[in-house]
PDB file of N, CA and C in Angstrom:
ATOM      1  N   UNK A   1      -5.925   1.195 124.678  1.00  0.00           N
ATOM      2  CA  UNK A   1      -5.673   1.977 124.669  1.00  0.00           C
ATOM      3  C   UNK A   1      -4.429   2.449 123.593  1.00  0.00           C
ATOM      4  N   UNK A   2      -3.798   1.252 123.245  1.00  0.00           N
ATOM      5  CA  UNK A   2      -2.628   1.629 122.319  1.00  0.00           C
ATOM      6  C   UNK A   2      -3.107   1.603 121.019  1.00  0.00           C
ATOM      7  N   UNK A   3      -3.986   1.767 120.905  1.00  0.00           N
ATOM      8  CA  UNK A   3      -5.118   1.185 119.697  1.00  0.00           C
ATOM      9  C   UNK A   3      -5.994   2.550 119.703  1.00  0.00           C
ATOM     10  N   UNK A   4      -5.985   3.174 120.403  1.00  0.00           N
ATOM     11  CA  UNK A   4      -6.274   4.565 121.077  1.00  0.00           C
ATOM     12  C   UNK A   4      -5.592   5.424 120.743  1.00  0.00           C
ATOM     13  N   UNK A   5      -4.543   5.349 121.318  1.00  0.00           N
ATOM     14  CA  UNK A   5      -2.757   6.428 120.610  1.00  0.00           C
ATOM     15  C   UNK A   5      -2.056   6.597 119.004  1.00  0.00           C
ATOM     16  N   UNK A   6      -3.495   5.297 118.748  1.00  0.00           N
ATOM     17  CA  UNK A   6      -2.305   5.393 117.669  1.00  0.00           C
ATOM     18  C   UNK A   6      -2.941   5.560 116.255  1.00  0.00           C
ATOM     19  N   UNK A   7      -4.468   5.486 115.870  1.00  0.00           N
ATOM     20  CA  UNK A   7      -5.483   6.454 115.509  1.00  0.00           C
ATOM     21  C   UNK A   7      -5.649   7.990 115.982  1.00  0.00           C
ATOM     22  N   UNK A   8      -5.317   8.314 117.614  1.00  0.00           N
ATOM     23  CA  UNK A   8      -4.935   9.654 118.479  1.00  0.00           C
ATOM     24  C   UNK A   8      -3.683  10.138 116.681  1.00  0.00           C
ATOM     25  N   UNK A   9      -2.909   9.400 116.803  1.00  0.00           N
ATOM     26  CA  UNK A   9      -1.179   9.877 116.455  1.00  0.00           C
ATOM     27  C   UNK A   9      -1.567   9.815 115.016  1.00  0.00           C
ATOM     28  N   UNK A  10      -2.634   8.971 114.047  1.00  0.00           N
ATOM     29  CA  UNK A  10      -2.630   9.284 113.295  1.00  0.00           C
ATOM     30  C   UNK A  10      -3.327   9.943 112.199  1.00  0.00           C
ATOM     31  N   UNK A  11      -4.107  10.181 112.951  1.00  0.00           N
ATOM     32  CA  UNK A  11      -5.386  11.540 112.878  1.00  0.00           C
ATOM     33  C   UNK A  11      -4.409  12.940 112.763  1.00  0.00           C
ATOM     34  N   UNK A  12      -3.898  12.925 113.452  1.00  0.00           N
ATOM     35  CA  UNK A  12      -3.329  14.176 113.971  1.00  0.00           C
ATOM     36  C   UNK A  12      -2.084  13.994 113.218  1.00  0.00           C
ATOM     37  N   UNK A  13      -1.563  13.120 112.676  1.00  0.00           N
ATOM     38  CA  UNK A  13      -0.651  13.175 111.322  1.00  0.00           C
ATOM     39  C   UNK A  13      -1.296  13.710 110.346  1.00  0.00           C
ATOM     40  N   UNK A  14      -2.442  13.206 109.515  1.00  0.00           N
ATOM     41  CA  UNK A  14      -3.366  13.385 108.511  1.00  0.00           C
ATOM     42  C   UNK A  14      -3.841  14.496 108.324  1.00  0.00           C
ATOM     43  N   UNK A  15      -3.915  15.639 110.066  1.00  0.00           N
ATOM     44  CA  UNK A  15      -4.679  16.807 109.941  1.00  0.00           C
ATOM     45  C   UNK A  15      -3.713  17.781 109.747  1.00  0.00           C
ATOM     46  N   UNK A  16      -1.961  17.553 109.897  1.00  0.00           N
ATOM     47  CA  UNK A  16      -0.671  18.226 109.856  1.00  0.00           C
ATOM     48  C   UNK A  16      -0.418  17.972 108.767  1.00  0.00           C
ATOM     49  N   UNK A  17      -0.580  16.660 107.940  1.00  0.00           N
ATOM     50  CA  UNK A  17      -0.585  17.281 107.171  1.00  0.00           C
ATOM     51  C   UNK A  17      -1.387  17.207 105.140  1.00  0.00           C
ATOM     52  N   UNK A  18      -2.750  17.486 105.831  1.00  0.00           N
ATOM     53  CA  UNK A  18      -3.431  18.058 105.230  1.00  0.00           C
ATOM     54  C   UNK A  18      -3.302  20.121 104.958  1.00  0.00           C
ATOM     55  N   UNK A  19      -2.493  19.752 105.612  1.00  0.00           N
ATOM     56  CA  UNK A  19      -3.034  21.716 106.141  1.00  0.00           C
ATOM     57  C   UNK A  19      -1.503  22.310 104.809  1.00  0.00           C
ATOM     58  N   UNK A  20      -1.082  21.198 105.128  1.00  0.00           N
ATOM     59  CA  UNK A  20       0.170  21.502 103.822  1.00  0.00           C
ATOM     60  C   UNK A  20      -0.243  21.688 102.135  1.00  0.00           C
ATOM     61  N   UNK A  21      -1.838  20.734 102.166  1.00  0.00           N
ATOM     62  CA  UNK A  21      -1.935  21.060 100.837  1.00  0.00           C
ATOM     63  C   UNK A  21      -2.695  21.524 100.331  1.00  0.00           C
ATOM     64  N   UNK A  22      -2.850  22.874 101.548  1.00  0.00           N
ATOM     65  CA  UNK A  22      -3.783  24.362 101.221  1.00  0.00           C
ATOM     66  C   UNK A  22      -2.616  24.829 100.098  1.00  0.00           C
ATOM     67  N   UNK A  23      -3.793  25.566  98.441  1.00  0.00           N
ATOM     68  CA  UNK A  23      -3.133  26.640  98.379  1.00  0.00           C
ATOM     69  C   UNK A  23      -3.624  28.155  98.871  1.00  0.00           C
ATOM     70  N   UNK A  24      -2.187  28.983  98.471  1.00  0.00           N
ATOM     71  CA  UNK A  24      -2.103  29.615  99.013  1.00  0.00           C
ATOM     72  C   UNK A  24      -3.040  31.087  98.706  1.00  0.00           C
ATOM     73  N   UNK A  25      -3.397  31.728  98.654  1.00  0.00           N
ATOM     74  CA  UNK A  25      -4.492  32.681  97.827  1.00  0.00           C
ATOM     75  C   UNK A  25      -2.935  33.569  97.218  1.00  0.00           C
ATOM     76  N   UNK A  26      -3.590  34.138  96.248  1.00  0.00           N
ATOM     77  CA  UNK A  26      -3.154  34.889  94.969  1.00  0.00           C
ATOM     78  C   UNK A  26      -3.225  35.876  95.143  1.00  0.00           C
ATOM     79  N   UNK A  27      -3.072  37.309  96.000  1.00  0.00           N
ATOM     80  CA  UNK A  27      -2.667  38.434  95.865  1.00  0.00           C
ATOM     81  C   UNK A  27      -3.263  39.035  94.958  1.00  0.00           C
ATOM     82  N   UNK A  28      -4.620  39.408  94.037  1.00  0.00           N
ATOM     83  CA  UNK A  28      -4.251  40.609  92.974  1.00  0.00           C
ATOM     84  C   UNK A  28      -3.302  41.704  93.388  1.00  0.00           C
ATOM     85  N   UNK A  29      -2.959  42.152  92.205  1.00  0.00           N
ATOM     86  CA  UNK A  29      -1.569  43.290  92.219  1.00  0.00           C
ATOM     87  C   UNK A  29      -2.799  44.740  91.561  1.00  0.00           C
ATOM     88  N   UNK A  30      -2.463  45.690  92.731  1.00  0.00           N
ATOM     89  CA  UNK A  30      -2.360  46.822  92.012  1.00  0.00           C
ATOM     90  C   UNK A  30      -2.622  46.811  90.183  1.00  0.00           C
ATOM     91  N   UNK A  31      -3.425  47.052  89.387  1.00  0.00           N
ATOM     92  CA  UNK A  31      -2.851  47.549  88.311  1.00  0.00           C
ATOM     93  C   UNK A  31      -3.041  49.726  88.248  1.00  0.00           C
ATOM     94  N   UNK A  32      -0.997  49.805  87.675  1.00  0.00           N
ATOM     95  CA  UNK A  32      -1.470  51.315  87.301  1.00  0.00           C
ATOM     96  C   UNK A  32      -2.323  51.543  86.653  1.00  0.00           C
ATOM     97  N   UNK A  33      -2.049  52.866  86.185  1.00  0.00           N
ATOM     98  CA  UNK A  33      -3.309  53.677  85.809  1.00  0.00           C
ATOM     99  C   UNK A  33      -3.053  53.559  83.628  1.00  0.00           C
ATOM    100  N   UNK A  34      -1.881  53.445  83.361  1.00  0.00           N
ATOM    101  CA  UNK A  34      -1.135  53.216  82.010  1.00  0.00           C
ATOM    102  C   UNK A  34      -1.498  51.720  81.607  1.00  0.00           C
ATOM    103  N   UNK A  35      -2.030  50.473  83.024  1.00  0.00           N
ATOM    104  CA  UNK A  35      -2.057  49.211  82.521  1.00  0.00           C
ATOM    105  C   UNK A  35      -3.745  48.638  82.645  1.00  0.00           C
ATOM    106  N   UNK A  36      -4.043  49.667  83.389  1.00  0.00           N
ATOM    107  CA  UNK A  36      -5.756  49.508  83.326  1.00  0.00           C
ATOM    108  C   UNK A  36      -6.255  50.066  81.538  1.00  0.00           C
ATOM    109  N   UNK A  37      -5.354  51.647  80.795  1.00  0.00           N
ATOM    110  CA  UNK A  37      -6.024  51.768  80.089  1.00  0.00           C
ATOM    111  C   UNK A  37      -5.159  51.267  78.720  1.00  0.00           C
ATOM    112  N   UNK A  38      -4.657  50.959  78.986  1.00  0.00           N
ATOM    113  CA  UNK A  38      -3.734  49.660  78.078  1.00  0.00           C
ATOM    114  C   UNK A  38      -4.535  48.732  77.681  1.00  0.00           C
ATOM    115  N   UNK A  39      -5.252  48.168  79.388  1.00  0.00           N
ATOM    116  CA  UNK A  39      -6.374  46.487  78.968  1.00  0.00           C
ATOM    117  C   UNK A  39      -7.725  47.522  78.376  1.00  0.00           C
ATOM    118  N   UNK A  40      -8.064  48.183  78.839  1.00  0.00           N
ATOM    119  CA  UNK A  40      -9.659  48.943  77.756  1.00  0.00           C
ATOM    120  C   UNK A  40      -8.989  49.275  76.295  1.00  0.00           C
ATOM    121  N   UNK A  41      -8.241  49.554  75.655  1.00  0.00           N
ATOM    122  CA  UNK A  41      -7.963  49.547  74.277  1.00  0.00           C
ATOM    123  C   UNK A  41      -8.422  47.640  74.368  1.00  0.00           C
ATOM    124  N   UNK A  42      -7.421  47.533  75.053  1.00  0.00           N
ATOM    125  CA  UNK A  42      -7.355  45.940  73.970  1.00  0.00           C
ATOM    126  C   UNK A  42      -8.229  45.672  74.063  1.00  0.00           C
ATOM    127  N   UNK A  43      -9.911  45.291  74.877  1.00  0.00           N
ATOM    128  CA  UNK A  43     -10.834  44.660  75.187  1.00  0.00           C
ATOM    129  C   UNK A  43     -11.834  45.844  73.674  1.00  0.00           C
ATOM    130  N   UNK A  44     -11.722  47.210  73.658  1.00  0.00           N
ATOM    131  CA  UNK A  44     -12.275  47.350  72.269  1.00  0.00           C
ATOM    132  C   UNK A  44     -11.594  46.585  71.352  1.00  0.00           C
ATOM    133  N   UNK A  45     -10.353  46.855  71.245  1.00  0.00           N
ATOM    134  CA  UNK A  45      -9.424  46.310  69.781  1.00  0.00           C
ATOM    135  C   UNK A  45     -10.469  45.083  69.236  1.00  0.00           C
ATOM    136  N   UNK A  46     -10.296  44.100  70.392  1.00  0.00           N
ATOM    137  CA  UNK A  46     -11.082  43.071  70.367  1.00  0.00           C
ATOM    138  C   UNK A  46     -12.180  43.011  70.032  1.00  0.00           C
ATOM    139  N   UNK A  47     -13.648  43.603  70.869  1.00  0.00           N
ATOM    140  CA  UNK A  47     -14.042  44.375  70.671  1.00  0.00           C
ATOM    141  C   UNK A  47     -14.692  44.030  68.498  1.00  0.00           C
ATOM    142  N   UNK A  48     -13.951  45.109  68.764  1.00  0.00           N
ATOM    143  CA  UNK A  48     -14.096  45.967  67.221  1.00  0.00           C
ATOM    144  C   UNK A  48     -13.898  44.629  65.828  1.00  0.00           C
ATOM    145  N   UNK A  49     -12.933  44.185  66.201  1.00  0.00           N
ATOM    146  CA  UNK A  49     -11.872  43.318  65.703  1.00  0.00           C
ATOM    147  C   UNK A  49     -13.856  41.988  65.093  1.00  0.00           C
ATOM    148  N   UNK A  50     -13.871  41.859  66.403  1.00  0.00           N
ATOM    149  CA  UNK A  50     -14.769  40.345  66.523  1.00  0.00           C
ATOM    150  C   UNK A  50     -16.230  40.860  66.053  1.00  0.00           C
ATOM    151  N   UNK A  51     -16.508  41.850  65.345  1.00  0.00           N
ATOM    152  CA  UNK A  51     -17.954  42.416  65.144  1.00  0.00           C
ATOM    153  C   UNK A  51     -17.165  42.736  63.339  1.00  0.00           C
ATOM    154  N   UNK A  52     -15.974  43.106  62.977  1.00  0.00           N
ATOM    155  CA  UNK A  52     -15.808  43.318  61.497  1.00  0.00           C
ATOM    156  C   UNK A  52     -15.662  41.894  60.808  1.00  0.00           C
ATOM    157  N   UNK A  53     -16.074  40.955  61.610  1.00  0.00           N
ATOM    158  CA  UNK A  53     -15.401  39.086  61.852  1.00  0.00           C
ATOM    159  C   UNK A  53     -16.863  39.082  61.029  1.00  0.00           C
ATOM    160  N   UNK A  54     -17.957  39.465  62.700  1.00  0.00           N
ATOM    161  CA  UNK A  54     -19.278  39.449  61.966  1.00  0.00           C
ATOM    162  C   UNK A  54     -19.578  39.388  60.481  1.00  0.00           C
ATOM    163  N   UNK A  55     -18.962  41.076  60.792  1.00  0.00           N
ATOM    164  CA  UNK A  55     -19.638  41.583  59.085  1.00  0.00           C
ATOM    165  C   UNK A  55     -19.357  41.240  58.009  1.00  0.00           C
ATOM    166  N   UNK A  56     -18.305  40.478  58.167  1.00  0.00           N
ATOM    167  CA  UNK A  56     -17.592  40.122  57.150  1.00  0.00           C
ATOM    168  C   UNK A  56     -18.346  38.627  56.762  1.00  0.00           C
ATOM    169  N   UNK A  57     -18.845  37.662  57.654  1.00  0.00           N
ATOM    170  CA  UNK A  57     -19.112  36.336  57.412  1.00  0.00           C
ATOM    171  C   UNK A  57     -20.389  36.772  57.030  1.00  0.00           C
ATOM    172  N   UNK A  58     -20.942  37.860  57.477  1.00  0.00           N
ATOM    173  CA  UNK A  58     -22.694  38.236  56.613  1.00  0.00           C
ATOM    174  C   UNK A  58     -22.896  38.824  55.937  1.00  0.00           C
ATOM    175  N   UNK A  59     -21.727  39.218  55.161  1.00  0.00           N
ATOM    176  CA  UNK A  59     -21.302  39.959  53.640  1.00  0.00           C
ATOM    177  C   UNK A  59     -21.768  38.602  53.217  1.00  0.00           C
ATOM    178  N   UNK A  60     -20.246  37.969  53.070  1.00  0.00           N
ATOM    179  CA  UNK A  60     -20.067  36.249  52.489  1.00  0.00           C
ATOM    180  C   UNK A  60     -21.158  35.698  52.474  1.00  0.00           C
ATOM    181  N   UNK A  61     -22.364  35.722  53.536  1.00  0.00           N
ATOM    182  CA  UNK A  61     -23.915  35.393  52.821  1.00  0.00           C
ATOM    183  C   UNK A  61     -24.582  35.583  52.885  1.00  0.00           C
ATOM    184  N   UNK A  62     -24.672  36.484  52.054  1.00  0.00           N
ATOM    185  CA  UNK A  62     -25.154  37.242  51.189  1.00  0.00           C
ATOM    186  C   UNK A  62     -24.546  36.802  49.230  1.00  0.00           C
ATOM    187  N   UNK A  63     -23.517  36.004  49.497  1.00  0.00           N
ATOM    188  CA  UNK A  63     -23.262  35.897  48.462  1.00  0.00           C
ATOM    189  C   UNK A  63     -22.586  37.394  47.008  1.00  0.00           C
ATOM    190  N   UNK A  64     -22.333  38.253  47.454  1.00  0.00           N
ATOM    191  CA  UNK A  64     -23.054  39.714  46.960  1.00  0.00           C
ATOM    192  C   UNK A  64     -21.300  39.130  45.634  1.00  0.00           C
ATOM    193  N   UNK A  65     -20.422  37.822  46.038  1.00  0.00           N
ATOM    194  CA  UNK A  65     -19.131  38.106  44.437  1.00  0.00           C
ATOM    195  C   UNK A  65     -20.031  38.098  43.342  1.00  0.00           C
ATOM    196  N   UNK A  66     -21.325  36.851  43.588  1.00  0.00           N
ATOM    197  CA  UNK A  66     -21.550  36.108  42.933  1.00  0.00           C
ATOM    198  C   UNK A  66     -21.822  37.347  42.462  1.00  0.00           C
ATOM    199  N   UNK A  67     -23.071  38.371  42.564  1.00  0.00           N
ATOM    200  CA  UNK A  67     -24.236  38.019  42.263  1.00  0.00           C
ATOM    201  C   UNK A  67     -22.899  39.886  41.815  1.00  0.00           C
ATOM    202  N   UNK A  68     -21.734  40.812  41.363  1.00  0.00           N
ATOM    203  CA  UNK A  68     -21.283  41.664  41.506  1.00  0.00           C
ATOM    204  C   UNK A  68     -20.950  40.660  40.047  1.00  0.00           C
ATOM    205  N   UNK A  69     -20.312  39.008  40.285  1.00  0.00           N
ATOM    206  CA  UNK A  69     -20.077  38.686  38.785  1.00  0.00           C
ATOM    207  C   UNK A  69     -20.865  38.515  37.782  1.00  0.00           C
ATOM    208  N   UNK A  70     -22.345  37.885  38.076  1.00  0.00           N
ATOM    209  CA  UNK A  70     -23.392  38.332  37.657  1.00  0.00           C
ATOM    210  C   UNK A  70     -24.044  39.389  36.364  1.00  0.00           C
ATOM    211  N   UNK A  71     -23.832  40.393  37.575  1.00  0.00           N
ATOM    212  CA  UNK A  71     -24.267  42.013  37.727  1.00  0.00           C
ATOM    213  C   UNK A  71     -23.155  42.622  36.020  1.00  0.00           C
ATOM    214  N   UNK A  72     -21.876  42.021  36.193  1.00  0.00           N
ATOM    215  CA  UNK A  72     -21.010  42.147  34.967  1.00  0.00           C
ATOM    216  C   UNK A  72     -20.571  41.348  33.905  1.00  0.00           C
ATOM    217  N   UNK A  73     -21.440  40.479  33.592  1.00  0.00           N
ATOM    218  CA  UNK A  73     -21.120  39.870  32.603  1.00  0.00           C
ATOM    219  C   UNK A  73     -22.929  40.334  32.076  1.00  0.00           C
ATOM    220  N   UNK A  74     -23.800  40.970  32.951  1.00  0.00           N
ATOM    221  CA  UNK A  74     -24.945  41.010  32.245  1.00  0.00           C
ATOM    222  C   UNK A  74     -24.256  43.266  31.181  1.00  0.00           C
ATOM    223  N   UNK A  75     -24.176  43.156  32.279  1.00  0.00           N
ATOM    224  CA  UNK A  75     -23.379  44.860  31.907  1.00  0.00           C
ATOM    225  C   UNK A  75     -22.356  44.570  30.868  1.00  0.00           C
ATOM    226  N   UNK A  76     -21.798  43.516  30.410  1.00  0.00           N
ATOM    227  CA  UNK A  76     -20.567  43.615  29.179  1.00  0.00           C
ATOM    228  C   UNK A  76     -21.099  42.919  28.245  1.00  0.00           C
ATOM    229  N   UNK A  77     -22.531  42.058  28.063  1.00  0.00           N
ATOM    230  CA  UNK A  77     -23.246  41.506  26.862  1.00  0.00           C
ATOM    231  C   UNK A  77     -23.699  42.732  26.367  1.00  0.00           C
ATOM    232  N   UNK A  78     -24.815  43.664  27.399  1.00  0.00           N
ATOM    233  CA  UNK A  78     -25.133  44.590  27.314  1.00  0.00           C
ATOM    234  C   UNK A  78     -24.584  45.818  26.259  1.00  0.00           C
ATOM    235  N   UNK A  79     -23.200  45.691  27.252  1.00  0.00           N
ATOM    236  CA  UNK A  79     -22.697  47.119  25.958  1.00  0.00           C
ATOM    237  C   UNK A  79     -21.620  46.715  25.182  1.00  0.00           C
ATOM    238  N   UNK A  80     -21.493  45.106  24.492  1.00  0.00           N
ATOM    239  CA  UNK A  80     -21.264  45.648  24.041  1.00  0.00           C
ATOM    240  C   UNK A  80     -22.786  44.719  22.269  1.00  0.00           C
ATOM    241  N   UNK A  81     -22.782  44.316  22.594  1.00  0.00           N
ATOM    242  CA  UNK A  81     -24.508  44.783  21.914  1.00  0.00           C
ATOM    243  C   UNK A  81     -24.823  45.611  21.382  1.00  0.00           C
ATOM    244  N   UNK A  82     -25.293  47.354  21.692  1.00  0.00           N
ATOM    245  CA  UNK A  82     -24.940  48.387  21.584  1.00  0.00           C
ATOM    246  C   UNK A  82     -23.139  48.405  21.181  1.00  0.00           C
ATOM    247  N   UNK A  83     -22.505  48.599  21.444  1.00  0.00           N
ATOM    248  CA  UNK A  83     -21.490  48.356  20.670  1.00  0.00           C
ATOM    249  C   UNK A  83     -21.772  48.216  19.001  1.00  0.00           C
ATOM    250  N   UNK A  84     -21.577  47.019  18.962  1.00  0.00           N
ATOM    251  CA  UNK A  84     -21.787  46.416  17.813  1.00  0.00           C
ATOM    252  C   UNK A  84     -22.854  47.075  16.709  1.00  0.00           C
ATOM    253  N   UNK A  85     -23.939  48.035  17.067  1.00  0.00           N
ATOM    254  CA  UNK A  85     -24.833  48.373  16.233  1.00  0.00           C
ATOM    255  C   UNK A  85     -24.590  50.108  15.847  1.00  0.00           C
ATOM    256  N   UNK A  86     -24.060  50.129  17.466  1.00  0.00           N
ATOM    257  CA  UNK A  86     -23.211  51.725  17.061  1.00  0.00           C
ATOM    258  C   UNK A  86     -22.128  52.046  15.986  1.00  0.00           C
ATOM    259  N   UNK A  87     -21.042  50.169  15.732  1.00  0.00           N
ATOM    260  CA  UNK A  87     -19.944  50.197  14.309  1.00  0.00           C
ATOM    261  C   UNK A  87     -21.058  49.994  13.876  1.00  0.00           C
ATOM    262  N   UNK A  88     -21.878  49.146  13.514  1.00  0.00           N
ATOM    263  CA  UNK A  88     -22.738  49.413  11.997  1.00  0.00           C
ATOM    264  C   UNK A  88     -23.523  50.577  11.263  1.00  0.00           C
ATOM    265  N   UNK A  89     -23.730  51.152  12.338  1.00  0.00           N
ATOM    266  CA  UNK A  89     -24.458  52.778  12.368  1.00  0.00           C
ATOM    267  C   UNK A  89     -23.227  54.000  11.323  1.00  0.00           C
ATOM    268  N   UNK A  90     -22.387  53.339  12.752  1.00  0.00           N
ATOM    269  CA  UNK A  90     -21.367  54.341  11.784  1.00  0.00           C
ATOM    270  C   UNK A  90     -20.063  53.757  10.799  1.00  0.00           C
ATOM    271  N   UNK A  91     -20.558  52.385  10.457  1.00  0.00           N
ATOM    272  CA  UNK A  91     -20.021  51.797   9.417  1.00  0.00           C
ATOM    273  C   UNK A  91     -20.771  52.268   7.996  1.00  0.00           C
ATOM    274  N   UNK A  92     -21.962  51.697   7.611  1.00  0.00           N
ATOM    275  CA  UNK A  92     -23.076  52.543   7.548  1.00  0.00           C
ATOM    276  C   UNK A  92     -22.939  54.236   6.874  1.00  0.00           C
ATOM    277  N   UNK A  93     -22.497  54.636   7.799  1.00  0.00           N
ATOM    278  CA  UNK A  93     -23.049  56.451   7.678  1.00  0.00           C
ATOM    279  C   UNK A  93     -21.007  56.933   6.800  1.00  0.00           C
ATOM    280  N   UNK A  94     -20.743  56.363   6.703  1.00  0.00           N
ATOM    281  CA  UNK A  94     -19.125  56.279   6.644  1.00  0.00           C
ATOM    282  C   UNK A  94     -18.859  55.718   5.426  1.00  0.00           C
ATOM    283  N   UNK A  95     -19.268  54.533   4.939  1.00  0.00           N
ATOM    284  CA  UNK A  95     -19.664  54.085   3.255  1.00  0.00           C
ATOM    285  C   UNK A  95     -20.930  53.067   2.633  1.00  0.00           C
ATOM    286  N   UNK A  96     -21.590  54.753   2.740  1.00  0.00           N
ATOM    287  CA  UNK A  96     -22.463  54.382   2.247  1.00  0.00           C
ATOM    288  C   UNK A  96     -22.179  54.443   0.575  1.00  0.00           C
ATOM    289  N   UNK A  97     -23.197  53.339   1.176  1.00  0.00           N
ATOM    290  CA  UNK A  97     -23.702  52.953  -0.688  1.00  0.00           C
ATOM    291  C   UNK A  97     -25.014  53.465  -1.341  1.00  0.00           C
ATOM    292  N   UNK A  98     -24.669  54.028  -2.572  1.00  0.00           N
ATOM    293  CA  UNK A  98     -25.776  54.157  -3.731  1.00  0.00           C
ATOM    294  C   UNK A  98     -26.734  53.351  -4.278  1.00  0.00           C
ATOM    295  N   UNK A  99     -27.991  53.566  -4.053  1.00  0.00           N
ATOM    296  CA  UNK A  99     -27.780  52.488  -5.216  1.00  0.00           C
ATOM    297  C   UNK A  99     -29.010  53.184  -6.319  1.00  0.00           C
ATOM    298  N   UNK A 100     -28.692  52.339  -7.276  1.00  0.00           N
ATOM    299  CA  UNK A 100     -28.840  53.151  -8.651  1.00  0.00           C
ATOM    300  C   UNK A 100     -29.108  53.684  -8.148  1.00  0.00           C
TER     301      UNK A 100
END
């Protein structure tokens, strides 16, 4: 009988102690209109930043810097060649040497 009383007392103690470990529910606070609008704008801003970052990474994947550098070098080479030809033509027009 004493064992039954002791076991009952221990179970009652554990049951009351376990109840104190319950996590209280958090009540959602109702947001006002301004808070809702601000949250909406923040989400739109975050989405646009993520999209822009994705575009930047895609453009970096195309290696446009390298292509632009190669195009510039080819253009400079072609323009300097034609500038040299034009310089020679102008020199021969201005300083024409007459043959005997």
